[in-house]
Amino acid sequence: MTPGAPRRGGGGSGRPTGGAGRGGPAKGGSGQSRGAGRPRREKGGSGTTKPSQPTKAPQWPRKPFVDVHDPEGTRLQKMLAAAGVGSRRVCEQLIADGRVEVDGQVVRELGVRINPGQVVHVDGVRVQLDESRVYLAFNKPLGVVTSMNDELGRIDIGDYVANRKERLFHVGRLDADTEGLLLLTNDGELAHRLQHPRYGVLKTYLAQIPGPVPRDLGKRLRQGIELEDGMVAVDSFKVVDSQPGKALVEVVLHEGRKHIVRRMLAEVGHPVLSLVRTQVGPIRLGDTKSGRWRALTASEVGALYKAADL
């Protein structure tokens, strides 16, 4: 070997031969110092963890335990059954499986008692336990004013629920010339969130407009239209039906500004001929007849809470 030539592998010719790998002793070589070829530990470094040493799992902050038991309350499974979650036996199994949370705490014991003011979730969906809360889906007819007590004496929503003892209020508004789904409730927090743009609860409308509809109309509406009170964009738009001279389109958006659908479509040259709201969040109008209302099911109420991030 030429003096001063670099030594690969600590000896030999620099090429691994036989079973020697890179950094191993050359075949037949005996002059390599013990430990040659091992990576040097840098000063100040922490080195490497040996394979035999398990790495320490990161310590995440534990959720503080909250005692949700109310000795004066009602058994959890009974409350769940009364709220329409399922039979008492089914509710007991849900608890045993760890699928029920009370005030953010997973409950697995069947003896836990709670009160209606506590917040309960099953599989992440909130369950309303307060029997005084009312949730109605109302199909508002044409010409009816969105008010519970119209000052001018016009026919309003209050006339259709006059026999109910609860003090109800409407979630959002529909103008007199628009018909369709309007939610009524006495749950103020939920109503506020369903109307607030921050939570992005979608509303779906069917609008009849003059045709034909240009191919790029949906794209224009999704990109945004400049109105006198600012930009507005739909979340979804599609043509449902088209006939000579008119078309039926579906408009989905989370905006709640006054006459927003009518103003948008008028701005793009297709003024609304008729307008029906068919859905609010997960709640559909379905086959509810005009001027009639129906109580929401427990699962529908839970879906509304989820849509409102409650």
C-alpha atoms as a PDB file:
ATOM      1  CA  MET A   1       0.000   0.000   0.000  1.00  0.00           C
ATOM      2  CA  THR A   2       1.226   3.439  -0.867  1.00  0.00           C
ATOM      3  CA  PRO A   3       2.090   5.407   2.253  1.00  0.00           C
ATOM      4  CA  GLY A   4      -0.464   8.117   2.999  1.00  0.00           C
ATOM      5  CA  ALA A   5      -3.234   6.525   0.882  1.00  0.00           C
ATOM      6  CA  PRO A   6      -6.668   6.691   2.513  1.00  0.00           C
ATOM      7  CA  ARG A   7      -7.699   3.496   4.249  1.00  0.00           C
ATOM      8  CA  ARG A   8     -11.307   2.423   3.700  1.00  0.00           C
ATOM      9  CA  GLY A   9     -12.760   0.075   6.219  1.00  0.00           C
ATOM     10  CA  GLY A  10      -9.765   0.462   8.513  1.00  0.00           C
ATOM     11  CA  GLY A  11      -7.458  -1.849   6.490  1.00  0.00           C
ATOM     12  CA  GLY A  12      -7.050  -4.015   3.413  1.00  0.00           C
ATOM     13  CA  SER A  13      -7.733  -2.738  -0.061  1.00  0.00           C
ATOM     14  CA  GLY A  14     -10.763  -0.627   0.822  1.00  0.00           C
ATOM     15  CA  ARG A  15     -13.221  -3.030  -0.874  1.00  0.00           C
ATOM     16  CA  PRO A  16     -15.290  -5.390   1.247  1.00  0.00           C
ATOM     17  CA  THR A  17     -14.349  -8.968   0.499  1.00  0.00           C
ATOM     18  CA  GLY A  18     -15.896 -12.132   1.734  1.00  0.00           C
ATOM     19  CA  GLY A  19     -18.245 -11.322   4.625  1.00  0.00           C
ATOM     20  CA  ALA A  20     -16.654  -8.044   5.624  1.00  0.00           C
ATOM     21  CA  GLY A  21     -18.842  -4.989   5.235  1.00  0.00           C
ATOM     22  CA  ARG A  22     -18.000  -1.340   5.102  1.00  0.00           C
ATOM     23  CA  GLY A  23     -16.044  -0.417   8.195  1.00  0.00           C
ATOM     24  CA  GLY A  24     -15.319  -4.084   9.041  1.00  0.00           C
ATOM     25  CA  PRO A  25     -11.914  -5.762   9.173  1.00  0.00           C
ATOM     26  CA  ALA A  26     -10.276  -6.684   5.879  1.00  0.00           C
ATOM     27  CA  LYS A  27      -9.988 -10.342   5.137  1.00  0.00           C
ATOM     28  CA  GLY A  28      -6.946 -11.600   6.864  1.00  0.00           C
ATOM     29  CA  GLY A  29      -6.134  -8.210   8.357  1.00  0.00           C
ATOM     30  CA  SER A  30      -5.208  -8.053  12.014  1.00  0.00           C
ATOM     31  CA  GLY A  31      -3.792  -4.584  12.452  1.00  0.00           C
ATOM     32  CA  GLN A  32      -7.098  -2.737  12.803  1.00  0.00           C
ATOM     33  CA  SER A  33      -7.577  -1.095  16.164  1.00  0.00           C
ATOM     34  CA  ARG A  34     -10.542  -2.211  18.223  1.00  0.00           C
ATOM     35  CA  GLY A  35     -13.587  -0.120  17.595  1.00  0.00           C
ATOM     36  CA  ALA A  36     -12.399   1.301  14.278  1.00  0.00           C
ATOM     37  CA  GLY A  37     -15.204   2.098  11.867  1.00  0.00           C
ATOM     38  CA  ARG A  38     -17.695   2.982  14.624  1.00  0.00           C
ATOM     39  CA  PRO A  39     -19.297   6.427  14.363  1.00  0.00           C
ATOM     40  CA  ARG A  40     -17.692   8.928  16.631  1.00  0.00           C
ATOM     41  CA  ARG A  41     -19.839  10.670  19.196  1.00  0.00           C
ATOM     42  CA  GLU A  42     -19.735  14.392  18.681  1.00  0.00           C
ATOM     43  CA  LYS A  43     -18.821  16.468  21.661  1.00  0.00           C
ATOM     44  CA  GLY A  44     -21.802  17.994  23.277  1.00  0.00           C
ATOM     45  CA  GLY A  45     -24.168  15.630  21.409  1.00  0.00           C
ATOM     46  CA  SER A  46     -26.616  13.288  23.039  1.00  0.00           C
ATOM     47  CA  GLY A  47     -25.463  10.270  21.096  1.00  0.00           C
ATOM     48  CA  THR A  48     -27.839   7.638  19.856  1.00  0.00           C
ATOM     49  CA  THR A  49     -30.268   5.435  21.667  1.00  0.00           C
ATOM     50  CA  LYS A  50     -29.344   1.788  21.686  1.00  0.00           C
ATOM     51  CA  PRO A  51     -31.893  -0.510  20.052  1.00  0.00           C
ATOM     52  CA  SER A  52     -32.332  -2.284  23.362  1.00  0.00           C
ATOM     53  CA  GLN A  53     -33.369   0.948  25.068  1.00  0.00           C
ATOM     54  CA  PRO A  54     -37.027   1.826  24.403  1.00  0.00           C
ATOM     55  CA  THR A  55     -37.661   5.489  23.700  1.00  0.00           C
ATOM     56  CA  LYS A  56     -39.690   7.269  26.335  1.00  0.00           C
ATOM     57  CA  ALA A  57     -43.221   8.054  25.196  1.00  0.00           C
ATOM     58  CA  PRO A  58     -44.138  11.741  25.225  1.00  0.00           C
ATOM     59  CA  GLN A  59     -46.123  12.755  28.256  1.00  0.00           C
ATOM     60  CA  TRP A  60     -49.365  14.401  27.163  1.00  0.00           C
ATOM     61  CA  PRO A  61     -51.251  16.446  29.726  1.00  0.00           C
ATOM     62  CA  ARG A  62     -54.034  14.333  31.146  1.00  0.00           C
ATOM     63  CA  LYS A  63     -57.610  15.551  31.059  1.00  0.00           C
ATOM     64  CA  PRO A  64     -58.547  16.526  34.611  1.00  0.00           C
ATOM     65  CA  PHE A  65     -61.110  14.224  36.155  1.00  0.00           C
ATOM     66  CA  VAL A  66     -64.514  15.754  36.717  1.00  0.00           C
ATOM     67  CA  ASP A  67     -67.033  14.124  39.021  1.00  0.00           C
ATOM     68  CA  VAL A  68     -70.261  14.321  37.011  1.00  0.00           C
ATOM     69  CA  HIS A  69     -72.364  12.315  39.461  1.00  0.00           C
ATOM     70  CA  ASP A  70     -75.337  14.190  40.935  1.00  0.00           C
ATOM     71  CA  PRO A  71     -76.790  12.246  43.887  1.00  0.00           C
ATOM     72  CA  GLU A  72     -80.092  14.083  43.486  1.00  0.00           C
ATOM     73  CA  GLY A  73     -80.269  13.441  39.745  1.00  0.00           C
ATOM     74  CA  THR A  74     -81.701  10.688  37.540  1.00  0.00           C
ATOM     75  CA  ARG A  75     -79.820   7.621  36.351  1.00  0.00           C
ATOM     76  CA  LEU A  76     -77.986   8.356  33.125  1.00  0.00           C
ATOM     77  CA  GLN A  77     -79.438   5.422  31.181  1.00  0.00           C
ATOM     78  CA  LYS A  78     -82.973   6.480  32.113  1.00  0.00           C
ATOM     79  CA  MET A  79     -82.328  10.042  30.902  1.00  0.00           C
ATOM     80  CA  LEU A  80     -80.899   8.768  27.624  1.00  0.00           C
ATOM     81  CA  ALA A  81     -83.865   6.472  27.047  1.00  0.00           C
ATOM     82  CA  ALA A  82     -86.301   9.306  27.782  1.00  0.00           C
ATOM     83  CA  ALA A  83     -84.451  11.483  25.250  1.00  0.00           C
ATOM     84  CA  GLY A  84     -85.069   8.894  22.542  1.00  0.00           C
ATOM     85  CA  VAL A  85     -81.536   7.512  22.244  1.00  0.00           C
ATOM     86  CA  GLY A  86     -82.804   3.940  22.596  1.00  0.00           C
ATOM     87  CA  SER A  87     -84.249   1.431  25.033  1.00  0.00           C
ATOM     88  CA  ARG A  88     -82.944   1.356  28.600  1.00  0.00           C
ATOM     89  CA  ARG A  89     -80.965  -1.789  27.800  1.00  0.00           C
ATOM     90  CA  VAL A  90     -79.407  -0.220  24.686  1.00  0.00           C
ATOM     91  CA  CYS A  91     -78.457   2.890  26.661  1.00  0.00           C
ATOM     92  CA  GLU A  92     -76.825   0.758  29.372  1.00  0.00           C
ATOM     93  CA  GLN A  93     -74.712  -0.937  26.722  1.00  0.00           C
ATOM     94  CA  LEU A  94     -73.693   2.433  25.247  1.00  0.00           C
ATOM     95  CA  ILE A  95     -72.492   3.501  28.695  1.00  0.00           C
ATOM     96  CA  ALA A  96     -70.621   0.243  29.311  1.00  0.00           C
ATOM     97  CA  ASP A  97     -68.899   0.599  25.923  1.00  0.00           C
ATOM     98  CA  GLY A  98     -67.602   4.059  26.843  1.00  0.00           C
ATOM     99  CA  ARG A  99     -69.612   5.825  24.133  1.00  0.00           C
ATOM    100  CA  VAL A 100     -71.297   8.315  26.457  1.00  0.00           C
ATOM    101  CA  GLU A 101     -69.758  11.550  27.744  1.00  0.00           C
ATOM    102  CA  VAL A 102     -71.165  13.796  30.461  1.00  0.00           C
ATOM    103  CA  ASP A 103     -69.668  17.279  30.700  1.00  0.00           C
ATOM    104  CA  GLY A 104     -66.703  16.047  28.638  1.00  0.00           C
ATOM    105  CA  GLN A 105     -66.064  13.017  30.884  1.00  0.00           C
ATOM    106  CA  VAL A 106     -66.487   9.459  29.587  1.00  0.00           C
ATOM    107  CA  VAL A 107     -68.892   7.567  31.854  1.00  0.00           C
ATOM    108  CA  ARG A 108     -68.807   3.765  32.080  1.00  0.00           C
ATOM    109  CA  GLU A 109     -70.653   3.187  35.361  1.00  0.00           C
ATOM    110  CA  LEU A 110     -74.368   2.460  35.249  1.00  0.00           C
ATOM    111  CA  GLY A 111     -75.009   3.988  38.662  1.00  0.00           C
ATOM    112  CA  VAL A 112     -74.145   7.556  37.651  1.00  0.00           C
ATOM    113  CA  ARG A 113     -76.951  10.079  38.118  1.00  0.00           C
ATOM    114  CA  ILE A 114     -77.150  13.400  36.287  1.00  0.00           C
ATOM    115  CA  ASN A 115     -79.458  16.388  35.934  1.00  0.00           C
ATOM    116  CA  PRO A 116     -80.982  17.841  32.731  1.00  0.00           C
ATOM    117  CA  GLY A 117     -78.645  20.832  32.835  1.00  0.00           C
ATOM    118  CA  GLN A 118     -75.562  18.721  32.162  1.00  0.00           C
ATOM    119  CA  VAL A 119     -74.154  18.303  28.650  1.00  0.00           C
ATOM    120  CA  VAL A 120     -74.319  14.746  27.303  1.00  0.00           C
ATOM    121  CA  HIS A 121     -72.840  13.376  24.072  1.00  0.00           C
ATOM    122  CA  VAL A 122     -73.304   9.910  22.584  1.00  0.00           C
ATOM    123  CA  ASP A 123     -70.732   8.989  19.941  1.00  0.00           C
ATOM    124  CA  GLY A 124     -69.785  12.656  19.778  1.00  0.00           C
ATOM    125  CA  VAL A 125     -73.339  13.860  19.109  1.00  0.00           C
ATOM    126  CA  ARG A 126     -75.053  15.955  21.738  1.00  0.00           C
ATOM    127  CA  VAL A 127     -78.264  14.669  23.324  1.00  0.00           C
ATOM    128  CA  GLN A 128     -80.806  17.200  24.542  1.00  0.00           C
ATOM    129  CA  LEU A 129     -82.087  16.085  27.945  1.00  0.00           C
ATOM    130  CA  ASP A 130     -84.136  19.150  28.804  1.00  0.00           C
ATOM    131  CA  GLU A 131     -87.725  18.208  28.023  1.00  0.00           C
ATOM    132  CA  SER A 132     -88.759  21.863  28.060  1.00  0.00           C
ATOM    133  CA  ARG A 133     -86.794  22.489  24.866  1.00  0.00           C
ATOM    134  CA  VAL A 134     -88.815  22.478  21.655  1.00  0.00           C
ATOM    135  CA  TYR A 135     -87.564  22.053  18.079  1.00  0.00           C
ATOM    136  CA  LEU A 136     -90.006  22.341  15.181  1.00  0.00           C
ATOM    137  CA  ALA A 137     -89.695  22.261  11.394  1.00  0.00           C
ATOM    138  CA  PHE A 138     -92.318  24.569   9.871  1.00  0.00           C
ATOM    139  CA  ASN A 139     -93.257  24.816   6.195  1.00  0.00           C
ATOM    140  CA  LYS A 140     -93.957  28.524   5.800  1.00  0.00           C
ATOM    141  CA  PRO A 141     -96.584  29.289   3.151  1.00  0.00           C
ATOM    142  CA  LEU A 142     -96.381  32.119   0.631  1.00  0.00           C
ATOM    143  CA  GLY A 143     -97.568  35.460   1.969  1.00  0.00           C
ATOM    144  CA  VAL A 144     -96.902  34.636   5.628  1.00  0.00           C
ATOM    145  CA  VAL A 145     -94.703  37.123   7.488  1.00  0.00           C
ATOM    146  CA  THR A 146     -91.721  35.819   9.441  1.00  0.00           C
ATOM    147  CA  SER A 147     -92.772  37.163  12.822  1.00  0.00           C
ATOM    148  CA  MET A 148     -94.321  35.698  15.949  1.00  0.00           C
ATOM    149  CA  ASN A 149     -96.585  38.740  16.423  1.00  0.00           C
ATOM    150  CA  ASP A 150     -96.794  41.070  13.448  1.00  0.00           C
ATOM    151  CA  GLU A 151     -97.408  44.693  14.463  1.00  0.00           C
ATOM    152  CA  LEU A 152     -99.416  45.378  11.284  1.00  0.00           C
ATOM    153  CA  GLY A 153    -101.804  42.523  11.892  1.00  0.00           C
ATOM    154  CA  ARG A 154    -100.683  40.476   8.905  1.00  0.00           C
ATOM    155  CA  ILE A 155    -100.757  36.670   8.971  1.00  0.00           C
ATOM    156  CA  ASP A 156     -97.548  35.525  10.633  1.00  0.00           C
ATOM    157  CA  ILE A 157     -95.876  32.389  11.959  1.00  0.00           C
ATOM    158  CA  GLY A 158     -97.318  32.950  15.419  1.00  0.00           C
ATOM    159  CA  ASP A 159    -100.794  32.257  14.021  1.00  0.00           C
ATOM    160  CA  TYR A 160     -99.718  28.697  13.165  1.00  0.00           C
ATOM    161  CA  VAL A 161     -98.333  27.850  16.627  1.00  0.00           C
ATOM    162  CA  ALA A 162    -100.788  29.846  18.732  1.00  0.00           C
ATOM    163  CA  ASN A 163    -101.873  26.693  20.565  1.00  0.00           C
ATOM    164  CA  ARG A 164     -98.395  25.983  21.899  1.00  0.00           C
ATOM    165  CA  LYS A 165     -97.579  27.168  25.412  1.00  0.00           C
ATOM    166  CA  GLU A 166     -93.826  27.629  24.800  1.00  0.00           C
ATOM    167  CA  ARG A 167     -92.406  30.988  23.812  1.00  0.00           C
ATOM    168  CA  LEU A 168     -90.975  30.092  20.422  1.00  0.00           C
ATOM    169  CA  PHE A 169     -88.858  32.130  18.046  1.00  0.00           C
ATOM    170  CA  HIS A 170     -87.810  31.561  14.446  1.00  0.00           C
ATOM    171  CA  VAL A 171     -84.276  30.673  13.371  1.00  0.00           C
ATOM    172  CA  GLY A 172     -83.492  33.140  10.619  1.00  0.00           C
ATOM    173  CA  ARG A 173     -86.074  34.645   8.292  1.00  0.00           C
ATOM    174  CA  LEU A 174     -87.883  34.031   5.033  1.00  0.00           C
ATOM    175  CA  ASP A 175     -89.482  36.952   3.221  1.00  0.00           C
ATOM    176  CA  ALA A 176     -93.214  36.839   2.560  1.00  0.00           C
ATOM    177  CA  ASP A 177     -92.692  35.835  -1.085  1.00  0.00           C
ATOM    178  CA  THR A 178     -90.512  32.852  -0.126  1.00  0.00           C
ATOM    179  CA  GLU A 179     -91.913  29.584   1.175  1.00  0.00           C
ATOM    180  CA  GLY A 180     -90.390  26.536   2.763  1.00  0.00           C
ATOM    181  CA  LEU A 181     -88.432  25.377   5.795  1.00  0.00           C
ATOM    182  CA  LEU A 182     -88.199  27.548   8.877  1.00  0.00           C
ATOM    183  CA  LEU A 183     -86.965  26.194  12.213  1.00  0.00           C
ATOM    184  CA  LEU A 184     -88.779  27.214  15.394  1.00  0.00           C
ATOM    185  CA  THR A 185     -87.338  26.688  18.873  1.00  0.00           C
ATOM    186  CA  ASN A 186     -86.967  28.034  22.398  1.00  0.00           C
ATOM    187  CA  ASP A 187     -83.281  27.052  22.497  1.00  0.00           C
ATOM    188  CA  GLY A 188     -81.575  30.429  22.250  1.00  0.00           C
ATOM    189  CA  GLU A 189     -77.968  29.252  22.089  1.00  0.00           C
ATOM    190  CA  LEU A 190     -78.623  26.805  19.257  1.00  0.00           C
ATOM    191  CA  ALA A 191     -80.698  29.340  17.330  1.00  0.00           C
ATOM    192  CA  HIS A 192     -77.924  31.936  17.567  1.00  0.00           C
ATOM    193  CA  ARG A 193     -75.275  29.570  16.267  1.00  0.00           C
ATOM    194  CA  LEU A 194     -77.418  28.285  13.404  1.00  0.00           C
ATOM    195  CA  GLN A 195     -77.772  31.872  12.158  1.00  0.00           C
ATOM    196  CA  HIS A 196     -74.172  32.983  12.663  1.00  0.00           C
ATOM    197  CA  PRO A 197     -71.990  32.808   9.493  1.00  0.00           C
ATOM    198  CA  ARG A 198     -69.028  31.714  11.635  1.00  0.00           C
ATOM    199  CA  TYR A 199     -70.469  28.207  11.946  1.00  0.00           C
ATOM    200  CA  GLY A 200     -71.165  27.882   8.231  1.00  0.00           C
ATOM    201  CA  VAL A 201     -74.557  26.157   8.532  1.00  0.00           C
ATOM    202  CA  LEU A 202     -75.750  25.633   4.967  1.00  0.00           C
ATOM    203  CA  LYS A 203     -79.194  26.560   3.642  1.00  0.00           C
ATOM    204  CA  THR A 204     -80.556  25.004   0.464  1.00  0.00           C
ATOM    205  CA  TYR A 205     -83.023  26.713  -1.881  1.00  0.00           C
ATOM    206  CA  LEU A 206     -84.872  25.768  -5.056  1.00  0.00           C
ATOM    207  CA  ALA A 207     -85.332  28.777  -7.300  1.00  0.00           C
ATOM    208  CA  GLN A 208     -87.241  29.064 -10.554  1.00  0.00           C
ATOM    209  CA  ILE A 209     -85.519  31.538 -12.866  1.00  0.00           C
ATOM    210  CA  PRO A 210     -85.784  32.621 -16.510  1.00  0.00           C
ATOM    211  CA  GLY A 211     -83.855  30.339 -18.859  1.00  0.00           C
ATOM    212  CA  PRO A 212     -81.734  29.285 -20.509  1.00  0.00           C
ATOM    213  CA  VAL A 213     -79.002  29.079 -17.865  1.00  0.00           C
ATOM    214  CA  PRO A 214     -75.460  29.801 -19.153  1.00  0.00           C
ATOM    215  CA  ARG A 215     -72.909  27.036 -18.626  1.00  0.00           C
ATOM    216  CA  ASP A 216     -70.639  29.283 -16.598  1.00  0.00           C
ATOM    217  CA  LEU A 217     -73.312  30.628 -14.235  1.00  0.00           C
ATOM    218  CA  GLY A 218     -72.456  28.188 -11.442  1.00  0.00           C
ATOM    219  CA  LYS A 219     -68.764  29.056 -11.724  1.00  0.00           C
ATOM    220  CA  ARG A 220     -69.506  32.780 -11.525  1.00  0.00           C
ATOM    221  CA  LEU A 221     -71.681  32.330  -8.444  1.00  0.00           C
ATOM    222  CA  ARG A 222     -69.103  30.147  -6.694  1.00  0.00           C
ATOM    223  CA  GLN A 223     -66.353  32.669  -7.404  1.00  0.00           C
ATOM    224  CA  GLY A 224     -68.462  35.449  -5.907  1.00  0.00           C
ATOM    225  CA  ILE A 225     -70.744  38.287  -6.945  1.00  0.00           C
ATOM    226  CA  GLU A 226     -70.274  41.898  -5.885  1.00  0.00           C
ATOM    227  CA  LEU A 227     -73.437  43.314  -4.295  1.00  0.00           C
ATOM    228  CA  GLU A 228     -74.059  46.721  -2.757  1.00  0.00           C
ATOM    229  CA  ASP A 229     -73.232  45.339   0.704  1.00  0.00           C
ATOM    230  CA  GLY A 230     -70.164  43.324  -0.319  1.00  0.00           C
ATOM    231  CA  MET A 231     -69.100  40.117  -2.018  1.00  0.00           C
ATOM    232  CA  VAL A 232     -71.158  36.964  -1.716  1.00  0.00           C
ATOM    233  CA  ALA A 233     -70.557  33.466  -3.082  1.00  0.00           C
ATOM    234  CA  VAL A 234     -72.623  30.301  -3.137  1.00  0.00           C
ATOM    235  CA  ASP A 235     -71.299  27.061  -1.707  1.00  0.00           C
ATOM    236  CA  SER A 236     -73.019  25.020  -4.416  1.00  0.00           C
ATOM    237  CA  PHE A 237     -75.118  25.587  -7.523  1.00  0.00           C
ATOM    238  CA  LYS A 238     -76.728  23.205  -9.991  1.00  0.00           C
ATOM    239  CA  VAL A 239     -79.502  23.097 -12.577  1.00  0.00           C
ATOM    240  CA  VAL A 240     -82.232  20.694 -11.448  1.00  0.00           C
ATOM    241  CA  ASP A 241     -84.574  21.069 -14.423  1.00  0.00           C
ATOM    242  CA  SER A 242     -84.680  23.104 -17.601  1.00  0.00           C
ATOM    243  CA  GLN A 243     -87.636  23.936 -19.829  1.00  0.00           C
ATOM    244  CA  PRO A 244     -88.096  26.426 -22.651  1.00  0.00           C
ATOM    245  CA  GLY A 245     -87.895  29.893 -21.122  1.00  0.00           C
ATOM    246  CA  LYS A 246     -87.319  28.831 -17.492  1.00  0.00           C
ATOM    247  CA  ALA A 247     -85.167  26.646 -15.266  1.00  0.00           C
ATOM    248  CA  LEU A 248     -85.207  25.209 -11.760  1.00  0.00           C
ATOM    249  CA  VAL A 249     -81.886  25.620  -9.939  1.00  0.00           C
ATOM    250  CA  GLU A 250     -80.576  24.596  -6.520  1.00  0.00           C
ATOM    251  CA  VAL A 251     -78.617  27.181  -4.571  1.00  0.00           C
ATOM    252  CA  VAL A 252     -76.699  26.270  -1.393  1.00  0.00           C
ATOM    253  CA  LEU A 253     -75.031  28.924   0.755  1.00  0.00           C
ATOM    254  CA  HIS A 254     -74.285  29.776   4.371  1.00  0.00           C
ATOM    255  CA  GLU A 255     -74.881  33.507   4.012  1.00  0.00           C
ATOM    256  CA  GLY A 256     -77.875  34.931   5.843  1.00  0.00           C
ATOM    257  CA  ARG A 257     -78.152  38.443   4.465  1.00  0.00           C
ATOM    258  CA  LYS A 258     -81.567  39.815   3.569  1.00  0.00           C
ATOM    259  CA  HIS A 259     -82.970  38.604   0.207  1.00  0.00           C
ATOM    260  CA  ILE A 260     -79.519  37.210  -0.563  1.00  0.00           C
ATOM    261  CA  VAL A 261     -80.600  34.535  -3.078  1.00  0.00           C
ATOM    262  CA  ARG A 262     -82.895  36.905  -4.945  1.00  0.00           C
ATOM    263  CA  ARG A 263     -80.285  39.653  -5.089  1.00  0.00           C
ATOM    264  CA  MET A 264     -77.530  37.317  -6.287  1.00  0.00           C
ATOM    265  CA  LEU A 265     -79.560  35.817  -9.107  1.00  0.00           C
ATOM    266  CA  ALA A 266     -80.911  39.210 -10.163  1.00  0.00           C
ATOM    267  CA  GLU A 267     -77.359  40.544 -10.314  1.00  0.00           C
ATOM    268  CA  VAL A 268     -76.384  37.850 -12.849  1.00  0.00           C
ATOM    269  CA  GLY A 269     -79.457  38.474 -15.003  1.00  0.00           C
ATOM    270  CA  HIS A 270     -81.768  35.719 -13.742  1.00  0.00           C
ATOM    271  CA  PRO A 271     -84.335  37.253 -11.367  1.00  0.00           C
ATOM    272  CA  VAL A 272     -86.160  34.756  -9.175  1.00  0.00           C
ATOM    273  CA  LEU A 273     -89.688  33.794 -10.224  1.00  0.00           C
ATOM    274  CA  SER A 274     -90.333  31.592  -7.178  1.00  0.00           C
ATOM    275  CA  LEU A 275     -88.227  30.484  -4.213  1.00  0.00           C
ATOM    276  CA  VAL A 276     -88.473  27.614  -1.719  1.00  0.00           C
ATOM    277  CA  ARG A 277     -86.069  26.775   1.102  1.00  0.00           C
ATOM    278  CA  THR A 278     -85.762  23.003   1.324  1.00  0.00           C
ATOM    279  CA  GLN A 279     -83.038  22.430   3.924  1.00  0.00           C
ATOM    280  CA  VAL A 280     -81.266  24.040   6.891  1.00  0.00           C
ATOM    281  CA  GLY A 281     -78.095  22.212   7.915  1.00  0.00           C
ATOM    282  CA  PRO A 282     -79.052  18.531   8.261  1.00  0.00           C
ATOM    283  CA  ILE A 283     -82.808  19.222   8.500  1.00  0.00           C
ATOM    284  CA  ARG A 284     -84.870  18.691   5.352  1.00  0.00           C
ATOM    285  CA  LEU A 285     -88.330  20.026   4.572  1.00  0.00           C
ATOM    286  CA  GLY A 286     -89.351  16.603   3.327  1.00  0.00           C
ATOM    287  CA  ASP A 287     -93.056  16.033   2.803  1.00  0.00           C
ATOM    288  CA  THR A 288     -94.256  18.459   5.491  1.00  0.00           C
ATOM    289  CA  LYS A 289     -97.265  20.213   3.982  1.00  0.00           C
ATOM    290  CA  SER A 290     -97.484  23.969   3.622  1.00  0.00           C
ATOM    291  CA  GLY A 291     -98.679  25.605   6.825  1.00  0.00           C
ATOM    292  CA  ARG A 292     -97.874  22.546   8.944  1.00  0.00           C
ATOM    293  CA  TRP A 293     -95.076  21.825  11.388  1.00  0.00           C
ATOM    294  CA  ARG A 294     -93.497  18.701  12.827  1.00  0.00           C
ATOM    295  CA  ALA A 295     -91.341  18.090  15.899  1.00  0.00           C
ATOM    296  CA  LEU A 296     -87.733  17.159  15.157  1.00  0.00           C
ATOM    297  CA  THR A 297     -86.552  13.733  16.220  1.00  0.00           C
ATOM    298  CA  ALA A 298     -83.832  13.279  18.843  1.00  0.00           C
ATOM    299  CA  SER A 299     -81.324  12.356  16.128  1.00  0.00           C
ATOM    300  CA  GLU A 300     -82.225  15.478  14.115  1.00  0.00           C
ATOM    301  CA  VAL A 301     -81.741  17.685  17.174  1.00  0.00           C
ATOM    302  CA  GLY A 302     -78.379  16.010  17.782  1.00  0.00           C
ATOM    303  CA  ALA A 303     -77.385  16.625  14.158  1.00  0.00           C
ATOM    304  CA  LEU A 304     -78.292  20.310  14.538  1.00  0.00           C
ATOM    305  CA  TYR A 305     -76.118  20.569  17.637  1.00  0.00           C
ATOM    306  CA  LYS A 306     -73.251  18.991  15.738  1.00  0.00           C
ATOM    307  CA  ALA A 307     -73.710  21.395  12.818  1.00  0.00           C
ATOM    308  CA  ALA A 308     -73.592  24.291  15.293  1.00  0.00           C
ATOM    309  CA  ASP A 309     -70.485  22.853  16.993  1.00  0.00           C
ATOM    310  CA  LEU A 310     -72.220  22.320  20.331  1.00  0.00           C
END
